[in-house]
Amino acid sequence: MTTPRKSTPSRSATVELADAFLALHHLVRKHVDAAMTAAGLSLSQAKLLALVARLAPCRPSDIATEMGYAPRTVTTALDAMEESGLVERSAHPTDRRAQLVVVTAAGQAKLDEVQGPKRQAVEHLFGVLDATEQKQLRELMDRVRLRADD
């Protein structure tokens, strides 16, 4: 366990808090991704697949816009998922330049399958906090998120 760094004149407590939050975010993401990847679908793949399931049928450009990714990045990811049988693409009925993407039954099954390992990883990490502390943390994060949305 590392000891907290003391504030220096050039580093404010708020900056140190933000740095600690970003480091924690990185660690949580790393642990959750490892648990999900071991179950057969990375965190990034699961996020993409869940978005396709929510928007389906949808255009790859809709996915790129929603995720804030370059269209080429989404196309590459969809290529791999289609090759694995997780999504299907078909011609758009009214726009011959576009395709529509849907999650296959195998894709939905894989998405469902990784939720258990994800939940276990998250419960392990945040289980160090009791229910009251978890609620407080959530409320604090929501306040910061609302400020960021302003």
N, C-alpha and C. Protein backbone atom coordinates (compact mmCIF):
# COMPACT_ATOMS: atom_id res chain seq x y z
N MET A 1 0.84 -1.18 0.00
CA MET A 1 0.00 0.00 0.00
C MET A 1 0.88 1.23 0.00
N THR A 2 0.57 2.16 -0.89
CA THR A 2 1.38 3.38 -0.97
C THR A 2 0.81 4.43 -0.05
N THR A 3 1.71 5.28 0.43
CA THR A 3 1.27 6.36 1.30
C THR A 3 0.92 7.56 0.44
N PRO A 4 -0.10 8.32 0.85
CA PRO A 4 -0.48 9.50 0.08
C PRO A 4 0.66 10.50 0.02
N ARG A 5 0.80 11.13 -1.13
CA ARG A 5 1.83 12.16 -1.28
C ARG A 5 1.35 13.45 -0.65
N LYS A 6 2.27 14.15 -0.02
CA LYS A 6 1.93 15.42 0.60
C LYS A 6 1.86 16.50 -0.48
N SER A 7 0.96 17.46 -0.26
CA SER A 7 0.84 18.56 -1.19
C SER A 7 2.12 19.38 -1.21
N THR A 8 2.47 19.81 -2.36
CA THR A 8 3.59 20.73 -2.51
C THR A 8 2.99 22.05 -3.00
N PRO A 9 3.72 23.11 -2.87
CA PRO A 9 3.17 24.40 -3.32
C PRO A 9 2.73 24.37 -4.78
N SER A 10 3.38 23.57 -5.61
CA SER A 10 3.03 23.55 -7.03
C SER A 10 1.88 22.59 -7.33
N ARG A 11 1.47 21.77 -6.37
CA ARG A 11 0.38 20.81 -6.58
C ARG A 11 -0.74 21.07 -5.58
N SER A 12 -1.91 21.38 -6.07
CA SER A 12 -3.04 21.61 -5.16
C SER A 12 -3.64 20.27 -4.75
N ALA A 13 -4.37 20.29 -3.67
CA ALA A 13 -5.05 19.09 -3.20
C ALA A 13 -6.06 18.62 -4.24
N THR A 14 -6.67 19.55 -4.96
CA THR A 14 -7.65 19.19 -5.98
C THR A 14 -6.98 18.47 -7.15
N VAL A 15 -5.82 18.94 -7.54
CA VAL A 15 -5.08 18.27 -8.62
C VAL A 15 -4.65 16.88 -8.16
N GLU A 16 -4.21 16.76 -6.93
CA GLU A 16 -3.83 15.45 -6.41
C GLU A 16 -5.03 14.51 -6.36
N LEU A 17 -6.19 15.04 -6.00
CA LEU A 17 -7.41 14.23 -5.99
C LEU A 17 -7.73 13.75 -7.40
N ALA A 18 -7.66 14.64 -8.37
CA ALA A 18 -7.92 14.26 -9.76
C ALA A 18 -6.92 13.21 -10.23
N ASP A 19 -5.66 13.37 -9.88
CA ASP A 19 -4.64 12.38 -10.26
C ASP A 19 -4.93 11.02 -9.62
N ALA A 20 -5.34 11.04 -8.36
CA ALA A 20 -5.67 9.79 -7.67
C ALA A 20 -6.89 9.14 -8.32
N PHE A 21 -7.89 9.93 -8.68
CA PHE A 21 -9.08 9.41 -9.34
C PHE A 21 -8.72 8.78 -10.68
N LEU A 22 -7.90 9.46 -11.46
CA LEU A 22 -7.49 8.92 -12.77
C LEU A 22 -6.70 7.63 -12.61
N ALA A 23 -5.84 7.57 -11.60
CA ALA A 23 -5.08 6.34 -11.36
C ALA A 23 -6.01 5.20 -10.94
N LEU A 24 -7.00 5.51 -10.10
CA LEU A 24 -7.98 4.50 -9.69
C LEU A 24 -8.80 4.04 -10.89
N HIS A 25 -9.23 4.98 -11.72
CA HIS A 25 -9.98 4.63 -12.93
C HIS A 25 -9.18 3.65 -13.78
N HIS A 26 -7.92 3.93 -13.96
CA HIS A 26 -7.05 3.05 -14.75
C HIS A 26 -7.00 1.65 -14.14
N LEU A 27 -6.83 1.57 -12.83
CA LEU A 27 -6.74 0.26 -12.17
C LEU A 27 -8.06 -0.51 -12.22
N VAL A 28 -9.18 0.19 -12.00
CA VAL A 28 -10.49 -0.48 -12.07
C VAL A 28 -10.71 -1.01 -13.47
N ARG A 29 -10.44 -0.18 -14.47
CA ARG A 29 -10.61 -0.60 -15.86
C ARG A 29 -9.73 -1.81 -16.18
N LYS A 30 -8.49 -1.79 -15.70
CA LYS A 30 -7.55 -2.88 -15.95
C LYS A 30 -8.07 -4.19 -15.34
N HIS A 31 -8.55 -4.13 -14.10
CA HIS A 31 -9.05 -5.34 -13.43
C HIS A 31 -10.34 -5.86 -14.07
N VAL A 32 -11.24 -4.96 -14.39
CA VAL A 32 -12.51 -5.36 -15.01
C VAL A 32 -12.23 -5.93 -16.40
N ASP A 33 -11.37 -5.28 -17.16
CA ASP A 33 -11.04 -5.77 -18.49
C ASP A 33 -10.41 -7.15 -18.43
N ALA A 34 -9.51 -7.37 -17.49
CA ALA A 34 -8.86 -8.68 -17.36
C ALA A 34 -9.89 -9.77 -17.04
N ALA A 35 -10.81 -9.47 -16.14
CA ALA A 35 -11.84 -10.46 -15.77
C ALA A 35 -12.75 -10.77 -16.96
N MET A 36 -13.14 -9.74 -17.68
CA MET A 36 -14.03 -9.95 -18.82
C MET A 36 -13.30 -10.64 -19.98
N THR A 37 -12.07 -10.24 -20.23
CA THR A 37 -11.30 -10.86 -21.31
C THR A 37 -11.10 -12.34 -21.05
N ALA A 38 -10.87 -12.70 -19.80
CA ALA A 38 -10.72 -14.12 -19.44
C ALA A 38 -12.00 -14.90 -19.74
N ALA A 39 -13.14 -14.20 -19.72
CA ALA A 39 -14.43 -14.82 -20.02
C ALA A 39 -14.77 -14.76 -21.51
N GLY A 40 -13.90 -14.11 -22.30
CA GLY A 40 -14.06 -14.16 -23.75
C GLY A 40 -14.44 -12.88 -24.46
N LEU A 41 -14.56 -11.76 -23.74
CA LEU A 41 -14.92 -10.50 -24.38
C LEU A 41 -14.31 -9.36 -23.58
N SER A 42 -13.48 -8.54 -24.23
CA SER A 42 -12.86 -7.43 -23.50
C SER A 42 -13.91 -6.39 -23.12
N LEU A 43 -13.53 -5.52 -22.21
CA LEU A 43 -14.42 -4.45 -21.78
C LEU A 43 -14.81 -3.58 -22.98
N SER A 44 -13.86 -3.24 -23.82
CA SER A 44 -14.15 -2.42 -25.00
C SER A 44 -15.09 -3.13 -25.96
N GLN A 45 -14.85 -4.41 -26.18
CA GLN A 45 -15.73 -5.17 -27.06
C GLN A 45 -17.14 -5.24 -26.48
N ALA A 46 -17.23 -5.44 -25.17
CA ALA A 46 -18.54 -5.52 -24.52
C ALA A 46 -19.28 -4.19 -24.61
N LYS A 47 -18.57 -3.09 -24.45
CA LYS A 47 -19.20 -1.77 -24.56
C LYS A 47 -19.75 -1.57 -25.97
N LEU A 48 -18.96 -1.94 -26.96
CA LEU A 48 -19.40 -1.81 -28.35
C LEU A 48 -20.60 -2.71 -28.63
N LEU A 49 -20.51 -3.94 -28.20
CA LEU A 49 -21.60 -4.90 -28.42
C LEU A 49 -22.88 -4.45 -27.71
N ALA A 50 -22.77 -3.95 -26.50
CA ALA A 50 -23.93 -3.48 -25.77
C ALA A 50 -24.56 -2.27 -26.46
N LEU A 51 -23.74 -1.41 -27.01
CA LEU A 51 -24.26 -0.25 -27.74
C LEU A 51 -24.99 -0.69 -29.00
N VAL A 52 -24.42 -1.64 -29.73
CA VAL A 52 -25.08 -2.15 -30.92
C VAL A 52 -26.43 -2.77 -30.53
N ALA A 53 -26.46 -3.52 -29.45
CA ALA A 53 -27.70 -4.14 -28.99
C ALA A 53 -28.74 -3.08 -28.66
N ARG A 54 -28.30 -1.99 -28.06
CA ARG A 54 -29.23 -0.92 -27.66
C ARG A 54 -29.75 -0.15 -28.87
N LEU A 55 -28.88 0.10 -29.86
CA LEU A 55 -29.26 0.92 -31.01
C LEU A 55 -29.82 0.12 -32.18
N ALA A 56 -29.61 -1.16 -32.19
CA ALA A 56 -29.88 -2.00 -33.36
C ALA A 56 -31.32 -1.92 -33.84
N PRO A 57 -31.49 -2.01 -35.15
CA PRO A 57 -30.42 -2.00 -36.15
C PRO A 57 -29.87 -0.58 -36.30
N CYS A 58 -28.57 -0.49 -36.50
CA CYS A 58 -27.93 0.82 -36.56
C CYS A 58 -26.82 0.82 -37.59
N ARG A 59 -26.48 2.00 -38.02
CA ARG A 59 -25.36 2.19 -38.95
C ARG A 59 -24.05 2.27 -38.15
N PRO A 60 -22.98 1.82 -38.74
CA PRO A 60 -21.68 1.98 -38.07
C PRO A 60 -21.39 3.45 -37.73
N SER A 61 -21.82 4.37 -38.58
CA SER A 61 -21.58 5.79 -38.30
C SER A 61 -22.33 6.24 -37.04
N ASP A 62 -23.51 5.66 -36.78
CA ASP A 62 -24.24 5.99 -35.55
C ASP A 62 -23.45 5.52 -34.32
N ILE A 63 -22.85 4.36 -34.45
CA ILE A 63 -22.04 3.80 -33.35
C ILE A 63 -20.84 4.70 -33.10
N ALA A 64 -20.16 5.09 -34.18
CA ALA A 64 -18.98 5.95 -34.06
C ALA A 64 -19.33 7.27 -33.38
N THR A 65 -20.45 7.85 -33.78
CA THR A 65 -20.89 9.11 -33.20
C THR A 65 -21.19 8.95 -31.71
N GLU A 66 -21.92 7.91 -31.38
CA GLU A 66 -22.32 7.66 -29.99
C GLU A 66 -21.10 7.43 -29.10
N MET A 67 -20.10 6.72 -29.62
CA MET A 67 -18.92 6.39 -28.81
C MET A 67 -17.84 7.46 -28.87
N GLY A 68 -17.95 8.37 -29.83
CA GLY A 68 -16.92 9.40 -29.98
C GLY A 68 -15.65 8.86 -30.62
N TYR A 69 -15.80 7.82 -31.44
CA TYR A 69 -14.66 7.20 -32.12
C TYR A 69 -14.67 7.55 -33.60
N ALA A 70 -13.54 7.40 -34.22
CA ALA A 70 -13.45 7.57 -35.67
C ALA A 70 -14.20 6.42 -36.34
N PRO A 71 -14.91 6.70 -37.43
CA PRO A 71 -15.64 5.63 -38.12
C PRO A 71 -14.75 4.43 -38.48
N ARG A 72 -13.53 4.69 -38.87
CA ARG A 72 -12.63 3.59 -39.25
C ARG A 72 -12.36 2.67 -38.06
N THR A 73 -12.23 3.24 -36.89
CA THR A 73 -12.00 2.44 -35.67
C THR A 73 -13.17 1.50 -35.43
N VAL A 74 -14.38 2.02 -35.58
CA VAL A 74 -15.58 1.21 -35.38
C VAL A 74 -15.68 0.13 -36.45
N THR A 75 -15.39 0.50 -37.69
CA THR A 75 -15.44 -0.48 -38.78
C THR A 75 -14.49 -1.64 -38.52
N THR A 76 -13.29 -1.33 -38.08
CA THR A 76 -12.30 -2.38 -37.78
C THR A 76 -12.81 -3.29 -36.66
N ALA A 77 -13.36 -2.69 -35.61
CA ALA A 77 -13.89 -3.49 -34.50
C ALA A 77 -15.07 -4.34 -34.95
N LEU A 78 -15.96 -3.77 -35.76
CA LEU A 78 -17.10 -4.53 -36.26
C LEU A 78 -16.67 -5.67 -37.18
N ASP A 79 -15.62 -5.43 -37.97
CA ASP A 79 -15.08 -6.50 -38.83
C ASP A 79 -14.69 -7.71 -37.99
N ALA A 80 -13.97 -7.46 -36.91
CA ALA A 80 -13.53 -8.55 -36.03
C ALA A 80 -14.72 -9.23 -35.36
N MET A 81 -15.69 -8.44 -34.93
CA MET A 81 -16.86 -9.02 -34.27
C MET A 81 -17.73 -9.81 -35.24
N GLU A 82 -17.80 -9.34 -36.47
CA GLU A 82 -18.56 -10.08 -37.48
C GLU A 82 -17.87 -11.40 -37.79
N GLU A 83 -16.56 -11.35 -37.89
CA GLU A 83 -15.78 -12.57 -38.15
C GLU A 83 -15.96 -13.59 -37.03
N SER A 84 -16.15 -13.11 -35.81
CA SER A 84 -16.35 -13.98 -34.65
C SER A 84 -17.81 -14.40 -34.49
N GLY A 85 -18.68 -13.87 -35.33
CA GLY A 85 -20.09 -14.24 -35.27
C GLY A 85 -20.88 -13.50 -34.20
N LEU A 86 -20.35 -12.37 -33.72
CA LEU A 86 -21.02 -11.62 -32.65
C LEU A 86 -22.00 -10.59 -33.18
N VAL A 87 -21.75 -10.08 -34.38
CA VAL A 87 -22.65 -9.12 -35.02
C VAL A 87 -22.85 -9.54 -36.48
N GLU A 88 -23.93 -9.02 -37.05
CA GLU A 88 -24.20 -9.21 -38.48
C GLU A 88 -24.42 -7.86 -39.11
N ARG A 89 -23.96 -7.72 -40.34
CA ARG A 89 -24.22 -6.50 -41.10
C ARG A 89 -25.08 -6.86 -42.30
N SER A 90 -25.98 -5.95 -42.64
CA SER A 90 -26.82 -6.15 -43.83
C SER A 90 -26.98 -4.80 -44.52
N ALA A 91 -27.44 -4.86 -45.76
CA ALA A 91 -27.64 -3.64 -46.53
C ALA A 91 -28.78 -2.82 -45.93
N HIS A 92 -28.60 -1.51 -45.91
CA HIS A 92 -29.66 -0.61 -45.46
C HIS A 92 -30.78 -0.64 -46.50
N PRO A 93 -32.03 -0.68 -46.09
CA PRO A 93 -33.12 -0.82 -47.06
C PRO A 93 -33.33 0.39 -47.97
N THR A 94 -32.91 1.58 -47.54
CA THR A 94 -33.16 2.77 -48.36
C THR A 94 -31.89 3.53 -48.75
N ASP A 95 -30.77 3.18 -48.17
CA ASP A 95 -29.50 3.87 -48.48
C ASP A 95 -28.49 2.82 -48.90
N ARG A 96 -28.28 2.71 -50.20
CA ARG A 96 -27.42 1.62 -50.69
C ARG A 96 -25.95 1.79 -50.28
N ARG A 97 -25.57 2.97 -49.79
CA ARG A 97 -24.19 3.16 -49.34
C ARG A 97 -23.99 2.70 -47.90
N ALA A 98 -25.08 2.49 -47.19
CA ALA A 98 -24.99 2.21 -45.75
C ALA A 98 -25.28 0.75 -45.44
N GLN A 99 -24.80 0.35 -44.27
CA GLN A 99 -25.09 -0.99 -43.74
C GLN A 99 -25.77 -0.83 -42.39
N LEU A 100 -26.48 -1.85 -41.99
CA LEU A 100 -27.08 -1.90 -40.66
C LEU A 100 -26.42 -3.02 -39.88
N VAL A 101 -26.23 -2.79 -38.61
CA VAL A 101 -25.56 -3.76 -37.74
C VAL A 101 -26.53 -4.20 -36.66
N VAL A 102 -26.52 -5.51 -36.38
CA VAL A 102 -27.30 -6.07 -35.27
C VAL A 102 -26.43 -7.08 -34.53
N VAL A 103 -26.77 -7.31 -33.28
CA VAL A 103 -26.08 -8.33 -32.48
C VAL A 103 -26.72 -9.68 -32.80
N THR A 104 -25.89 -10.69 -32.98
CA THR A 104 -26.39 -12.04 -33.21
C THR A 104 -26.76 -12.68 -31.87
N ALA A 105 -27.42 -13.82 -31.95
CA ALA A 105 -27.75 -14.57 -30.73
C ALA A 105 -26.46 -14.95 -30.00
N ALA A 106 -25.43 -15.33 -30.76
CA ALA A 106 -24.14 -15.68 -30.15
C ALA A 106 -23.51 -14.45 -29.48
N GLY A 107 -23.67 -13.29 -30.10
CA GLY A 107 -23.14 -12.05 -29.52
C GLY A 107 -23.84 -11.69 -28.23
N GLN A 108 -25.15 -11.84 -28.21
CA GLN A 108 -25.91 -11.54 -26.99
C GLN A 108 -25.55 -12.53 -25.88
N ALA A 109 -25.38 -13.80 -26.26
CA ALA A 109 -24.99 -14.81 -25.26
C ALA A 109 -23.62 -14.48 -24.67
N LYS A 110 -22.68 -14.07 -25.51
CA LYS A 110 -21.34 -13.72 -25.03
C LYS A 110 -21.40 -12.48 -24.15
N LEU A 111 -22.21 -11.52 -24.53
CA LEU A 111 -22.36 -10.31 -23.72
C LEU A 111 -22.94 -10.66 -22.35
N ASP A 112 -23.93 -11.53 -22.33
CA ASP A 112 -24.52 -11.97 -21.06
C ASP A 112 -23.49 -12.74 -20.22
N GLU A 113 -22.68 -13.53 -20.88
CA GLU A 113 -21.69 -14.39 -20.21
C GLU A 113 -20.62 -13.61 -19.45
N VAL A 114 -20.23 -12.46 -19.98
CA VAL A 114 -19.15 -11.69 -19.33
C VAL A 114 -19.64 -10.79 -18.20
N GLN A 115 -20.96 -10.68 -18.04
CA GLN A 115 -21.48 -9.81 -16.98
C GLN A 115 -21.15 -10.35 -15.58
N GLY A 116 -21.14 -11.66 -15.42
CA GLY A 116 -20.79 -12.25 -14.12
C GLY A 116 -19.36 -11.92 -13.71
N PRO A 117 -18.37 -12.19 -14.58
CA PRO A 117 -16.99 -11.83 -14.23
C PRO A 117 -16.80 -10.32 -14.00
N LYS A 118 -17.52 -9.51 -14.79
CA LYS A 118 -17.43 -8.06 -14.58
C LYS A 118 -17.95 -7.71 -13.19
N ARG A 119 -19.12 -8.24 -12.84
CA ARG A 119 -19.72 -7.96 -11.53
C ARG A 119 -18.80 -8.43 -10.41
N GLN A 120 -18.20 -9.61 -10.55
CA GLN A 120 -17.30 -10.13 -9.51
C GLN A 120 -16.10 -9.22 -9.33
N ALA A 121 -15.51 -8.75 -10.44
CA ALA A 121 -14.35 -7.87 -10.35
C ALA A 121 -14.71 -6.56 -9.66
N VAL A 122 -15.83 -6.00 -10.04
CA VAL A 122 -16.26 -4.73 -9.46
C VAL A 122 -16.60 -4.90 -7.98
N GLU A 123 -17.31 -5.97 -7.65
CA GLU A 123 -17.66 -6.20 -6.25
C GLU A 123 -16.41 -6.45 -5.40
N HIS A 124 -15.42 -7.11 -5.97
CA HIS A 124 -14.17 -7.32 -5.25
C HIS A 124 -13.49 -5.98 -4.95
N LEU A 125 -13.40 -5.13 -5.97
CA LEU A 125 -12.70 -3.86 -5.80
C LEU A 125 -13.47 -2.91 -4.88
N PHE A 126 -14.74 -2.72 -5.13
CA PHE A 126 -15.52 -1.76 -4.35
C PHE A 126 -16.09 -2.36 -3.08
N GLY A 127 -15.93 -3.67 -2.90
CA GLY A 127 -16.38 -4.33 -1.69
C GLY A 127 -15.61 -3.90 -0.45
N VAL A 128 -14.50 -3.21 -0.64
CA VAL A 128 -13.74 -2.67 0.49
C VAL A 128 -14.53 -1.54 1.17
N LEU A 129 -15.52 -1.01 0.46
CA LEU A 129 -16.38 0.04 1.02
C LEU A 129 -17.70 -0.58 1.46
N ASP A 130 -18.22 -0.14 2.61
CA ASP A 130 -19.53 -0.63 3.03
C ASP A 130 -20.61 0.08 2.21
N ALA A 131 -21.86 -0.32 2.39
CA ALA A 131 -22.96 0.21 1.59
C ALA A 131 -23.09 1.73 1.71
N THR A 132 -22.90 2.24 2.90
CA THR A 132 -23.00 3.69 3.11
C THR A 132 -21.88 4.41 2.37
N GLU A 133 -20.67 3.89 2.47
CA GLU A 133 -19.54 4.51 1.78
C GLU A 133 -19.72 4.44 0.25
N GLN A 134 -20.23 3.33 -0.24
CA GLN A 134 -20.49 3.21 -1.68
C GLN A 134 -21.51 4.26 -2.13
N LYS A 135 -22.56 4.45 -1.32
CA LYS A 135 -23.58 5.44 -1.65
C LYS A 135 -22.98 6.85 -1.64
N GLN A 136 -22.15 7.14 -0.66
CA GLN A 136 -21.51 8.45 -0.57
C GLN A 136 -20.59 8.68 -1.77
N LEU A 137 -19.81 7.67 -2.10
CA LEU A 137 -18.90 7.79 -3.24
C LEU A 137 -19.69 8.06 -4.51
N ARG A 138 -20.77 7.32 -4.69
CA ARG A 138 -21.61 7.52 -5.88
C ARG A 138 -22.16 8.93 -5.93
N GLU A 139 -22.64 9.44 -4.80
CA GLU A 139 -23.18 10.80 -4.76
C GLU A 139 -22.10 11.84 -5.08
N LEU A 140 -20.91 11.64 -4.57
CA LEU A 140 -19.81 12.56 -4.85
C LEU A 140 -19.41 12.53 -6.32
N MET A 141 -19.33 11.32 -6.87
CA MET A 141 -18.99 11.20 -8.30
C MET A 141 -20.07 11.84 -9.16
N ASP A 142 -21.33 11.67 -8.78
CA ASP A 142 -22.42 12.28 -9.53
C ASP A 142 -22.33 13.80 -9.52
N ARG A 143 -21.95 14.37 -8.38
CA ARG A 143 -21.80 15.83 -8.30
C ARG A 143 -20.70 16.32 -9.25
N VAL A 144 -19.59 15.62 -9.27
CA VAL A 144 -18.50 16.02 -10.16
C VAL A 144 -18.92 15.83 -11.62
N ARG A 145 -19.62 14.73 -11.91
CA ARG A 145 -20.09 14.48 -13.28
C ARG A 145 -21.04 15.58 -13.73
N LEU A 146 -21.95 16.00 -12.86
CA LEU A 146 -22.88 17.07 -13.20
C LEU A 146 -22.13 18.37 -13.50
N ARG A 147 -21.09 18.64 -12.76
CA ARG A 147 -20.27 19.83 -13.02
C ARG A 147 -19.61 19.71 -14.39
N ALA A 148 -19.13 18.52 -14.72
CA ALA A 148 -18.48 18.32 -16.02
C ALA A 148 -19.48 18.46 -17.16
N ASP A 149 -20.74 18.11 -16.91
CA ASP A 149 -21.77 18.22 -17.95
C ASP A 149 -22.24 19.64 -18.17
N ASP A 150 -21.97 20.54 -17.21
CA ASP A 150 -22.41 21.95 -17.34
C ASP A 150 -21.68 22.66 -18.45
